[in-house]
Protein backbone atom coordinates (compact mmCIF):
# COMPACT_ATOMS: atom_id res chain seq x y z
CA MET A 1 116.87 137.46 146.86
CA SER A 2 118.80 139.84 144.61
CA LEU A 3 117.48 142.04 141.94
CA THR A 4 119.38 139.97 139.45
CA SER A 5 117.44 136.93 140.56
CA LEU A 6 114.26 138.84 140.18
CA LEU A 7 115.10 139.68 136.61
CA ASN A 8 116.24 136.10 135.87
CA THR A 9 112.92 134.82 137.26
CA GLY A 10 110.92 137.15 135.05
CA LEU A 11 113.10 136.18 132.11
CA SER A 12 112.56 132.47 132.67
CA SER A 13 108.76 133.12 132.60
CA LEU A 14 109.03 135.13 129.37
CA ASN A 15 110.94 132.26 127.70
CA ALA A 16 108.57 129.61 129.03
CA GLN A 17 105.37 131.52 128.12
CA MET A 18 106.82 132.21 124.68
CA LEU A 19 107.58 128.49 123.98
CA ALA A 20 104.00 127.66 125.34
CA ILE A 21 102.59 130.20 122.87
CA GLU A 22 104.58 128.68 120.05
CA VAL A 23 103.39 125.20 120.89
CA THR A 24 99.72 126.49 121.01
CA GLY A 25 100.25 128.14 117.61
CA GLU A 26 101.58 124.80 116.30
CA ASN A 27 98.42 123.13 117.47
CA ILE A 28 96.09 125.78 115.86
CA THR A 29 98.07 125.59 112.56
CA ASN A 30 97.66 121.84 112.38
CA VAL A 31 94.05 121.66 113.49
CA ASN A 32 93.15 119.97 110.03
CA THR A 33 96.33 118.01 109.56
CA PRO A 34 95.59 114.21 109.31
CA GLY A 35 97.17 112.24 112.08
CA TYR A 36 98.36 115.26 114.06
CA SER A 37 98.31 114.92 117.85
CA ARG A 38 97.84 117.81 120.20
CA GLN A 39 101.01 118.97 121.90
CA THR A 40 101.35 120.55 125.38
CA ALA A 41 104.18 122.60 126.84
CA MET A 42 104.84 121.13 130.37
CA LEU A 43 105.66 123.95 132.72
CA VAL A 44 107.54 123.04 135.98
CA ASN A 45 109.28 125.08 138.65
CA ALA A 46 112.95 125.73 138.10
CA PRO A 47 115.27 124.30 140.69
CA THR A 48 115.36 126.20 143.96
CA THR A 49 118.31 127.90 145.67
CA LEU A 50 118.85 128.73 149.39
CA PHE A 51 118.73 132.40 150.27
CA ARG A 52 119.36 132.97 153.99
CA ALA A 53 118.42 129.42 154.77
CA PHE A 54 115.12 129.64 152.78
CA PRO A 55 114.56 127.82 149.55
CA MET A 56 113.76 130.51 146.87
CA GLY A 57 112.41 129.72 143.43
CA ASN A 58 114.25 130.55 140.22
CA GLY A 59 111.18 130.91 137.96
CA VAL A 60 109.66 128.40 135.54
CA ARG A 61 110.90 126.22 132.69
CA VAL A 62 109.44 124.00 130.07
CA SER A 63 110.43 120.40 131.02
CA ALA A 64 109.04 118.92 127.77
CA VAL A 65 106.70 119.45 124.79
CA GLN A 66 104.51 116.47 125.36
CA ARG A 67 102.44 114.85 122.66
CA THR A 68 99.04 113.42 123.45
CA TYR A 69 99.27 109.68 122.68
CA ASP A 70 97.42 106.52 123.64
CA SER A 71 99.16 103.29 122.63
CA PHE A 72 96.13 101.17 123.47
CA LEU A 73 93.81 103.21 121.32
CA GLN A 74 96.39 103.08 118.40
CA GLY A 75 96.26 99.27 118.69
CA GLN A 76 92.45 99.20 118.66
CA MET A 77 92.32 101.46 115.60
CA MET A 78 94.79 99.21 113.75
CA VAL A 79 92.65 96.13 114.43
CA ALA A 80 89.50 97.99 113.35
CA ASN A 81 91.22 99.24 110.17
CA SER A 82 92.26 95.75 109.24
CA THR A 83 88.82 94.34 109.70
CA SER A 84 87.24 97.29 107.88
CA GLY A 85 89.66 96.99 104.86
CA GLN A 86 88.91 93.31 104.58
CA ALA A 87 85.15 93.87 104.83
CA LYS A 88 85.16 96.65 102.18
CA THR A 89 87.15 94.55 99.76
CA VAL A 90 84.94 91.44 100.23
CA ASN A 91 81.71 93.53 99.94
CA SER A 92 82.96 95.30 96.79
CA ALA A 93 83.76 91.93 95.09
CA LEU A 94 80.48 90.37 96.14
CA GLN A 95 78.51 93.25 94.68
CA MET A 96 79.86 92.13 91.26
CA VAL A 97 78.85 88.50 92.01
CA GLN A 98 75.29 89.27 93.19
CA PRO A 99 73.78 90.26 89.75
CA LEU A 100 74.84 86.87 88.35
CA PHE A 101 72.37 85.12 90.65
CA ASN A 102 69.68 87.81 90.94
CA GLU A 103 66.70 85.70 89.73
CA LEU A 104 64.14 88.46 90.67
CA THR A 105 65.32 91.17 88.22
CA THR A 106 67.07 89.15 85.41
CA GLU A 107 66.48 86.05 83.33
CA GLY A 108 68.98 83.94 85.19
CA LEU A 109 70.20 80.39 85.01
CA GLY A 110 67.28 79.11 87.19
CA GLN A 111 64.62 80.45 84.80
CA THR A 112 66.52 79.22 81.69
CA MET A 113 66.78 75.65 83.32
CA GLN A 114 63.03 75.63 83.96
CA GLU A 115 62.26 76.92 80.37
CA PHE A 116 64.50 74.13 79.00
CA PHE A 117 62.57 71.32 80.60
CA SER A 118 59.39 73.06 79.64
CA THR A 119 60.40 72.80 75.97
CA TRP A 120 60.57 69.04 76.44
CA GLN A 121 57.06 69.05 77.79
CA ASP A 122 55.96 71.01 74.64
CA LEU A 123 57.82 68.54 72.45
CA ALA A 124 56.03 65.73 74.09
CA ALA A 125 52.71 67.23 73.01
CA ASN A 126 53.93 67.21 69.42
CA PRO A 127 56.90 64.84 69.15
CA GLN A 128 57.15 65.31 65.41
CA GLY A 129 56.99 69.09 65.40
CA VAL A 130 60.10 70.71 64.02
CA PRO A 131 59.48 74.12 65.81
CA GLU A 132 59.28 72.31 69.12
CA ARG A 133 62.54 70.39 68.40
CA GLN A 134 64.24 73.69 67.44
CA ALA A 135 62.96 75.28 70.62
CA VAL A 136 64.66 72.44 72.62
CA LEU A 137 67.98 73.17 70.92
CA SER A 138 67.61 76.92 71.24
CA VAL A 139 66.79 76.95 74.94
CA GLY A 140 69.42 74.31 75.48
CA GLN A 141 71.95 76.59 73.95
CA GLN A 142 70.76 79.46 76.09
CA LEU A 143 71.26 77.12 79.18
CA VAL A 144 74.82 76.41 78.04
CA GLU A 145 75.46 80.09 77.47
CA ASP A 146 74.19 80.88 80.98
CA PHE A 147 76.56 78.43 82.56
CA HIS A 148 79.39 79.84 80.48
CA ARG A 149 78.41 83.41 81.41
CA ILE A 150 78.37 82.82 85.05
CA ASN A 151 81.52 80.87 84.99
CA THR A 152 83.32 83.54 83.01
CA SER A 153 82.04 86.29 85.31
CA LEU A 154 83.13 84.47 88.44
CA ALA A 155 86.55 83.78 86.92
CA SER A 156 86.71 87.50 86.07
CA VAL A 157 86.16 88.43 89.69
CA LYS A 158 89.02 86.06 90.63
CA ASP A 159 91.19 87.60 88.06
CA ASN A 160 90.34 91.22 89.23
CA MET A 161 91.31 90.26 92.81
CA ASN A 162 94.48 88.62 91.58
CA GLN A 163 95.40 91.71 89.56
CA SER A 164 94.57 93.98 92.48
CA LEU A 165 97.30 92.33 94.44
CA GLU A 166 99.91 94.23 92.33
CA GLN A 167 98.75 97.64 93.64
CA VAL A 168 98.16 96.63 97.21
CA THR A 169 101.60 94.93 97.58
CA SER A 170 103.23 98.09 96.08
CA ASP A 171 101.33 100.26 98.56
CA ILE A 172 102.34 98.00 101.45
CA ASN A 173 105.96 98.16 100.46
CA ASP A 174 105.87 101.97 100.22
CA ALA A 175 104.38 102.16 103.70
CA LEU A 176 106.95 99.85 105.10
CA LYS A 177 109.77 101.85 103.69
CA GLN A 178 108.26 105.07 105.08
CA ILE A 179 107.99 103.64 108.53
CA ALA A 180 111.59 102.32 108.47
CA GLN A 181 112.83 105.78 107.28
CA LEU A 182 110.81 107.48 109.99
CA ASN A 183 112.29 105.15 112.60
CA VAL A 184 115.81 106.27 111.60
CA SER A 185 114.89 110.00 111.59
CA ILE A 186 113.14 109.83 114.96
CA LYS A 187 116.02 107.95 116.58
CA GLN A 188 118.55 110.50 115.32
CA ILE A 189 116.53 113.44 116.57
CA GLU A 190 115.82 111.96 119.93
CA ILE A 191 119.39 110.80 120.53
CA GLY A 192 120.41 114.47 120.24
CA GLN A 193 117.70 115.41 122.88
CA GLY A 194 115.53 116.71 120.15
CA VAL A 195 111.73 116.56 119.87
CA ALA A 196 110.31 114.36 117.07
CA ASN A 197 106.56 114.71 117.92
CA GLU A 198 105.53 115.52 114.32
CA LEU A 199 107.49 112.64 112.87
CA ARG A 200 105.91 110.29 115.41
CA ASP A 201 102.59 111.54 114.30
CA GLN A 202 103.45 110.80 110.66
CA ARG A 203 104.75 107.34 111.59
CA GLU A 204 101.57 106.42 113.41
CA LEU A 205 99.33 107.64 110.56
CA VAL A 206 101.41 105.44 108.11
CA VAL A 207 101.09 102.46 110.51
CA ARG A 208 97.28 102.93 110.56
CA GLN A 209 97.19 103.22 106.81
CA LEU A 210 99.26 99.99 106.56
CA SER A 211 96.85 98.15 108.90
CA GLU A 212 94.02 98.87 106.54
CA MET A 213 95.88 97.03 103.79
CA VAL A 214 97.17 94.06 105.86
CA GLY A 215 96.68 92.77 109.40
CA VAL A 216 99.61 93.98 111.55
CA THR A 217 100.61 94.54 115.15
CA PHE A 218 103.15 97.07 116.49
CA LYS A 219 105.49 97.66 119.45
CA ASP A 220 107.05 100.85 120.60
CA GLU A 221 110.73 100.26 121.20
CA ALA A 222 112.94 101.99 123.89
CA ASP A 223 115.13 103.64 121.28
CA GLY A 224 112.13 105.52 119.76
CA SER A 225 111.64 103.13 116.79
CA VAL A 226 108.56 101.01 116.30
CA SER A 227 108.47 97.29 115.29
CA VAL A 228 105.77 95.97 113.07
CA ASN A 229 104.73 92.31 112.59
CA LEU A 230 102.01 90.49 110.64
CA THR A 231 99.25 89.31 112.91
CA SER A 232 100.59 85.86 112.34
CA GLY A 233 103.96 86.89 113.79
CA GLN A 234 106.27 87.52 110.86
CA SER A 235 108.39 90.60 111.06
CA LEU A 236 107.78 93.51 108.76
CA ILE A 237 109.72 96.34 110.40
CA SER A 238 112.82 95.99 112.72
CA GLY A 239 114.50 99.29 113.39
CA LYS A 240 115.84 100.72 110.11
CA ASP A 241 115.07 97.52 108.10
CA ALA A 242 111.79 96.88 106.27
CA ALA A 243 110.51 93.75 104.81
CA SER A 244 109.10 93.69 101.21
CA LEU A 245 106.32 91.81 99.49
CA SER A 246 106.66 90.47 95.92
CA LEU A 247 104.39 88.34 93.66
CA THR A 248 105.23 85.23 91.76
CA THR A 249 102.89 83.26 89.45
CA ASN A 250 101.97 79.82 90.86
CA VAL A 251 102.46 77.34 88.01
CA ALA A 252 99.64 75.12 89.32
CA THR A 253 96.93 77.76 89.70
CA GLY A 254 98.09 80.56 87.31
CA TYR A 255 97.56 83.08 90.11
CA TYR A 256 99.90 85.12 92.24
CA ASP A 257 101.57 83.83 95.41
CA VAL A 258 102.59 86.58 97.81
CA MET A 259 106.27 86.30 98.82
CA LEU A 260 107.81 87.91 101.87
CA THR A 261 111.48 89.01 102.07
CA PRO A 262 112.26 89.61 105.80
CA PRO A 263 113.74 92.86 107.12
CA GLY A 264 117.41 93.09 106.39
CA GLY A 265 117.21 90.61 103.41
CA GLY A 266 117.24 86.90 103.23
CA ALA A 267 115.33 84.18 101.45
CA ALA A 268 111.68 85.07 100.44
CA VAL A 269 109.07 82.81 101.85
CA ASN A 270 105.55 82.15 100.60
CA ALA A 271 103.37 84.40 102.70
CA THR A 272 100.07 83.81 100.91
CA ALA A 273 98.68 81.83 103.84
CA PHE A 274 100.10 84.33 106.37
CA VAL A 275 98.18 87.30 104.84
CA GLY A 276 95.19 85.51 103.33
CA GLY A 277 94.63 82.30 105.19
CA PRO A 278 91.35 81.48 106.98
CA ALA A 279 92.78 82.86 110.24
CA ASN A 280 94.68 85.74 108.84
CA SER A 281 92.53 87.26 106.09
CA GLN A 282 92.69 90.84 107.36
CA GLY A 283 93.10 94.09 105.45
CA GLU A 284 92.50 94.65 101.81
CA ILE A 285 95.08 92.03 100.71
CA GLY A 286 93.39 89.49 103.01
CA GLY A 287 89.99 90.22 101.50
CA MET A 288 91.37 89.88 97.98
CA LEU A 289 92.85 86.49 98.76
CA GLN A 290 89.71 85.32 100.52
CA ILE A 291 87.58 86.13 97.48
CA ARG A 292 90.02 84.75 95.06
CA ASP A 293 90.95 81.50 96.79
CA THR A 294 87.97 80.61 98.87
CA THR A 295 84.64 82.38 98.29
CA ILE A 296 84.48 82.37 94.43
CA ASN A 297 85.90 78.76 94.35
CA ARG A 298 82.89 77.60 96.46
CA TYR A 299 80.49 79.24 93.91
CA LEU A 300 82.34 77.69 90.99
CA ALA A 301 82.38 74.28 92.63
CA ASP A 302 78.56 74.28 93.02
CA LEU A 303 78.07 75.66 89.49
CA ASP A 304 80.34 72.99 87.99
CA GLU A 305 78.65 70.27 89.98
CA LEU A 306 75.20 71.45 88.83
CA ALA A 307 76.31 71.52 85.18
CA TYR A 308 78.01 68.13 85.50
CA SER A 309 75.06 66.41 87.18
CA LEU A 310 72.53 67.93 84.84
CA ALA A 311 74.52 66.93 81.76
CA ASN A 312 75.07 63.30 83.05
CA GLU A 313 71.43 62.80 83.87
CA MET A 314 70.33 64.49 80.63
CA ASN A 315 72.78 62.46 78.46
CA ALA A 316 71.79 59.25 80.05
CA ALA A 317 68.15 59.83 79.37
CA HIS A 318 68.70 61.27 75.89
CA ALA A 319 71.01 58.50 74.70
CA ALA A 320 68.29 56.01 75.65
CA GLY A 321 65.86 57.59 73.20
CA TYR A 322 65.62 58.17 69.49
CA GLY A 323 65.34 61.10 67.21
CA LEU A 324 63.78 61.28 63.78
CA GLY A 325 66.93 59.98 62.34
CA GLY A 326 67.07 57.12 64.78
CA THR A 327 70.50 57.98 66.18
CA GLN A 328 71.08 57.59 69.97
CA MET A 329 73.30 60.48 71.09
CA ASP A 330 74.31 62.50 74.23
CA PHE A 331 72.49 65.82 74.31
CA PHE A 332 75.34 67.73 75.97
CA THR A 333 79.01 67.27 75.36
CA PRO A 334 79.96 64.31 77.53
CA ALA A 335 81.68 65.05 80.81
CA ALA A 336 84.61 62.83 81.59
CA GLY A 337 84.50 60.94 84.87
CA THR A 338 82.13 58.83 86.85
CA ALA A 339 78.40 59.18 87.35
CA PRO A 340 76.99 61.24 90.36
CA PRO A 341 77.64 61.77 93.20
CA VAL A 342 80.30 64.09 91.73
CA PRO A 343 83.91 63.99 92.84
CA ALA A 344 84.96 67.72 93.03
CA ALA A 345 88.05 67.13 90.79
CA THR A 346 85.83 65.43 88.14
CA ALA A 347 83.29 68.22 87.84
CA ALA A 348 85.90 71.07 88.17
CA GLY A 349 85.53 73.45 85.23
CA TYR A 350 82.69 71.72 83.54
CA SER A 351 80.37 74.74 83.72
CA ALA A 352 82.88 76.36 81.23
CA LEU A 353 83.11 73.25 79.03
CA ILE A 354 79.45 72.23 78.71
CA GLY A 355 78.04 72.45 75.30
CA ILE A 356 75.36 71.06 72.97
CA ASN A 357 76.38 67.80 71.32
CA LEU A 358 73.61 67.73 68.73
CA THR A 359 73.93 69.28 65.30
CA SER A 360 70.41 68.89 64.01
CA ALA A 361 66.86 69.19 65.39
CA ASN A 362 66.22 65.70 63.91
CA GLN A 363 68.58 64.29 66.54
CA VAL A 364 66.45 65.47 69.40
CA ALA A 365 65.30 62.11 70.96
CA ALA A 366 61.63 62.40 71.89
CA ALA A 367 60.88 58.77 71.22
CA SER A 368 61.63 55.67 73.30
CA ALA A 369 61.86 53.44 70.22
CA ALA A 370 63.50 53.72 66.78
CA PRO A 371 61.40 55.05 63.92
CA ALA A 372 61.63 51.68 62.12
CA VAL A 373 59.74 50.02 64.96
CA GLY A 374 57.06 52.65 65.39
CA GLY A 375 58.91 55.29 67.34
CA THR A 376 58.15 58.23 65.02
CA GLY A 377 55.14 59.42 67.02
CA ASN A 378 56.43 58.17 70.39
CA ASN A 379 56.80 60.90 73.13
CA LEU A 380 57.80 58.79 76.06
CA ASN A 381 61.41 59.84 76.10
CA ALA A 382 60.43 63.51 75.93
CA LEU A 383 58.22 62.98 78.97
CA SER A 384 61.00 61.18 80.73
CA ILE A 385 63.47 63.97 80.10
CA ALA A 386 60.82 66.68 81.08
CA ALA A 387 60.44 64.84 84.43
CA LEU A 388 64.12 65.37 85.14
CA TYR A 389 63.48 68.82 86.43
CA ASN A 390 61.77 67.29 89.47
CA LYS A 391 63.98 64.36 89.86
CA THR A 392 66.25 64.20 92.86
CA PHE A 393 69.89 63.97 91.80
CA SER A 394 72.60 62.46 93.90
CA MET A 395 74.87 65.46 94.74
CA SER A 396 77.96 65.77 96.83
CA ALA A 397 76.01 67.55 99.64
CA GLY A 398 73.08 65.12 99.51
CA ASN A 399 70.12 64.46 97.21
CA ALA A 400 68.42 67.43 95.57
CA THR A 401 66.53 68.45 92.47
CA PRO A 402 68.30 70.74 89.94
CA GLU A 403 66.10 73.62 91.01
CA ALA A 404 66.67 72.98 94.83
CA PHE A 405 70.41 72.78 94.26
CA TYR A 406 70.59 76.01 92.29
CA ASN A 407 68.34 77.82 94.72
CA SER A 408 70.78 76.67 97.45
CA LEU A 409 73.63 78.25 95.49
CA VAL A 410 71.63 81.48 95.15
CA GLY A 411 70.91 81.34 98.89
CA LYS A 412 74.67 81.01 99.62
CA VAL A 413 75.46 84.04 97.54
CA GLY A 414 72.66 86.04 99.08
CA VAL A 415 73.73 85.25 102.64
CA ASP A 416 77.43 86.06 101.80
CA VAL A 417 76.30 89.42 100.30
CA GLN A 418 74.14 90.28 103.31
CA GLY A 419 76.97 89.34 105.57
CA ALA A 420 79.53 91.40 103.62
CA GLU A 421 77.24 94.41 103.61
CA ARG A 422 76.62 94.12 107.33
CA GLY A 423 80.28 93.58 107.95
CA GLU A 424 81.34 96.63 106.08
CA SER A 425 78.70 98.80 107.78
CA GLN A 426 79.52 97.49 111.33
CA THR A 427 83.40 97.80 110.90
CA GLY A 428 82.96 101.23 109.30
CA ALA A 429 80.95 102.38 112.34
CA ILE A 430 83.62 101.00 114.66
CA VAL A 431 86.34 102.80 112.77
CA SER A 432 84.41 106.01 112.82
CA GLN A 433 83.76 105.63 116.61
CA LEU A 434 87.49 105.08 117.22
CA ASN A 435 88.48 107.99 115.07
CA ASN A 436 86.05 110.24 116.97
CA GLN A 437 87.54 108.86 120.26
CA ARG A 438 91.03 109.64 119.09
CA GLU A 439 89.93 113.11 117.97
CA SER A 440 88.51 113.90 121.30
CA LEU A 441 91.58 112.61 123.03
CA THR A 442 94.45 113.74 120.86
CA GLY A 443 92.84 116.17 118.37
CA VAL A 444 93.05 119.95 118.50
CA SER A 445 90.17 121.91 119.89
CA LEU A 446 90.29 125.53 118.52
CA ASP A 447 88.25 126.80 121.54
CA GLU A 448 90.68 125.19 124.01
CA GLU A 449 93.69 126.40 122.20
CA LEU A 450 92.41 130.00 122.05
CA VAL A 451 91.78 129.92 125.83
CA ASN A 452 95.37 128.65 126.30
CA LEU A 453 96.69 131.30 123.91
CA THR A 454 95.01 134.03 126.06
CA LYS A 455 96.27 132.39 129.32
CA TYR A 456 99.89 132.23 128.08
CA GLN A 457 99.63 135.83 126.73
CA LYS A 458 98.50 137.17 130.06
CA ALA A 459 101.30 135.25 131.83
CA TYR A 460 103.80 136.72 129.37
CA GLU A 461 102.46 140.20 130.03
CA GLY A 462 102.80 139.52 133.81
CA ALA A 463 106.42 138.41 133.45
CA ALA A 464 107.16 141.54 131.48
CA ARG A 465 105.77 143.59 134.26
CA VAL A 466 107.95 141.72 136.69
CA ILE A 467 110.99 142.63 134.63
CA ASN A 468 109.79 146.31 134.38
CA VAL A 469 109.49 146.51 138.15
CA GLY A 470 112.98 144.91 138.60
CA THR A 471 114.45 147.32 136.12
CA GLU A 472 112.89 150.31 137.87
CA MET A 473 114.27 149.05 141.28
CA MET A 474 117.68 148.57 139.75
CA ASP A 475 117.55 152.10 138.39
CA THR A 476 116.64 153.43 141.85
CA VAL A 477 119.62 151.65 143.37
CA LEU A 478 121.96 152.85 140.82
CA GLY A 479 120.57 156.38 141.26
CA LEU A 480 121.39 156.26 145.06
CA ILE A 481 124.90 155.23 144.23
CA ARG A 482 125.42 158.20 141.90
């Protein structure tokens, strides 16, 4: 082995240790950078050469700057993010719904309904009393307003979810464009034998952020790019091309449909079912569509059915009686359609349309006979109407009293709210656990990096000593020649 080989060996170590120190410094610098993965300089023996029939080493070299990465963990985090994004959105929306049915802390529809029938009981005790008749109209109007208030509030939640689609689709499109651009940059760098670790970190972070907004899957391609699909299979990213989402107003519903233009262009398809259907409602956009198209509609359908059935039963009983003026009238504005059990299409929207049909307290029908034939002091119809509160109505889901049906609706809301709160808590814990797992696997430990820094520094100093010794030996040889 020549002195030149000794110097070259020392030089290779200097270069390798210097690069390792630079990589360690990069790790330390990015200790708090979101999405950054720890990098490691992979040191390997340089190729050997034969010297007098013996293989002799030629020092050390850095074979690669390796990025710590776990594809399986990335996939788990994406699934957890999608579930968590959906759970957060649903819980946030249901927190706006819950106060509408909170009978313990507010004067809700259930209490007003009970008071309404109580006023008929009071009227039965004094069928000619003007204050009692006025109370019937007053509480009846309050009942109507409660139906309207809940209907409007539920519709407002639907509108808010629908409006929120504008921002989330814009954010999804931005993320898709970023991923496609990063695909191009990474491919260009790695074709030229460069290292694109930082760009890969950025891309994975954007993919995880995308998964919180919509359910997606990914695949690492051989050319360094990543392909992204919806969980239902539709392509979102293919190489340098990104799909885009747009919104169009559905003429039938008045709400947005989500349209998907595939990567590279082409005809847009209606993707509302893909991103928000019962099997695909993942991410924030899935939660918005679930609330808008399914959850709130169930509450509105029950509310409409209750208003419709109550009005039909009430009108039938009231029109059979007589007021002080002797006129037989419906108490509430008549609901078009057939008598209960209620077809959903017939009752749809009635909780927003219900109103008081009477214009005077004298029209309140407390008697079962006309005044001309002795009905002035008759209270039989008032008693009959008061008994409706405990009467079993024929409803679409079976027979139930108005109170029982409304309590069932309140119970549904309560169960949904509890489930949403539990879902957000559980999915949040899973996301936190996976983030901690990723941090322990790919995150930067300052203690570890400082140890590595010292290790590489000592190795650098040792290599420098080797070069110093080689230089001194070379000087000795040159001195002998002189």
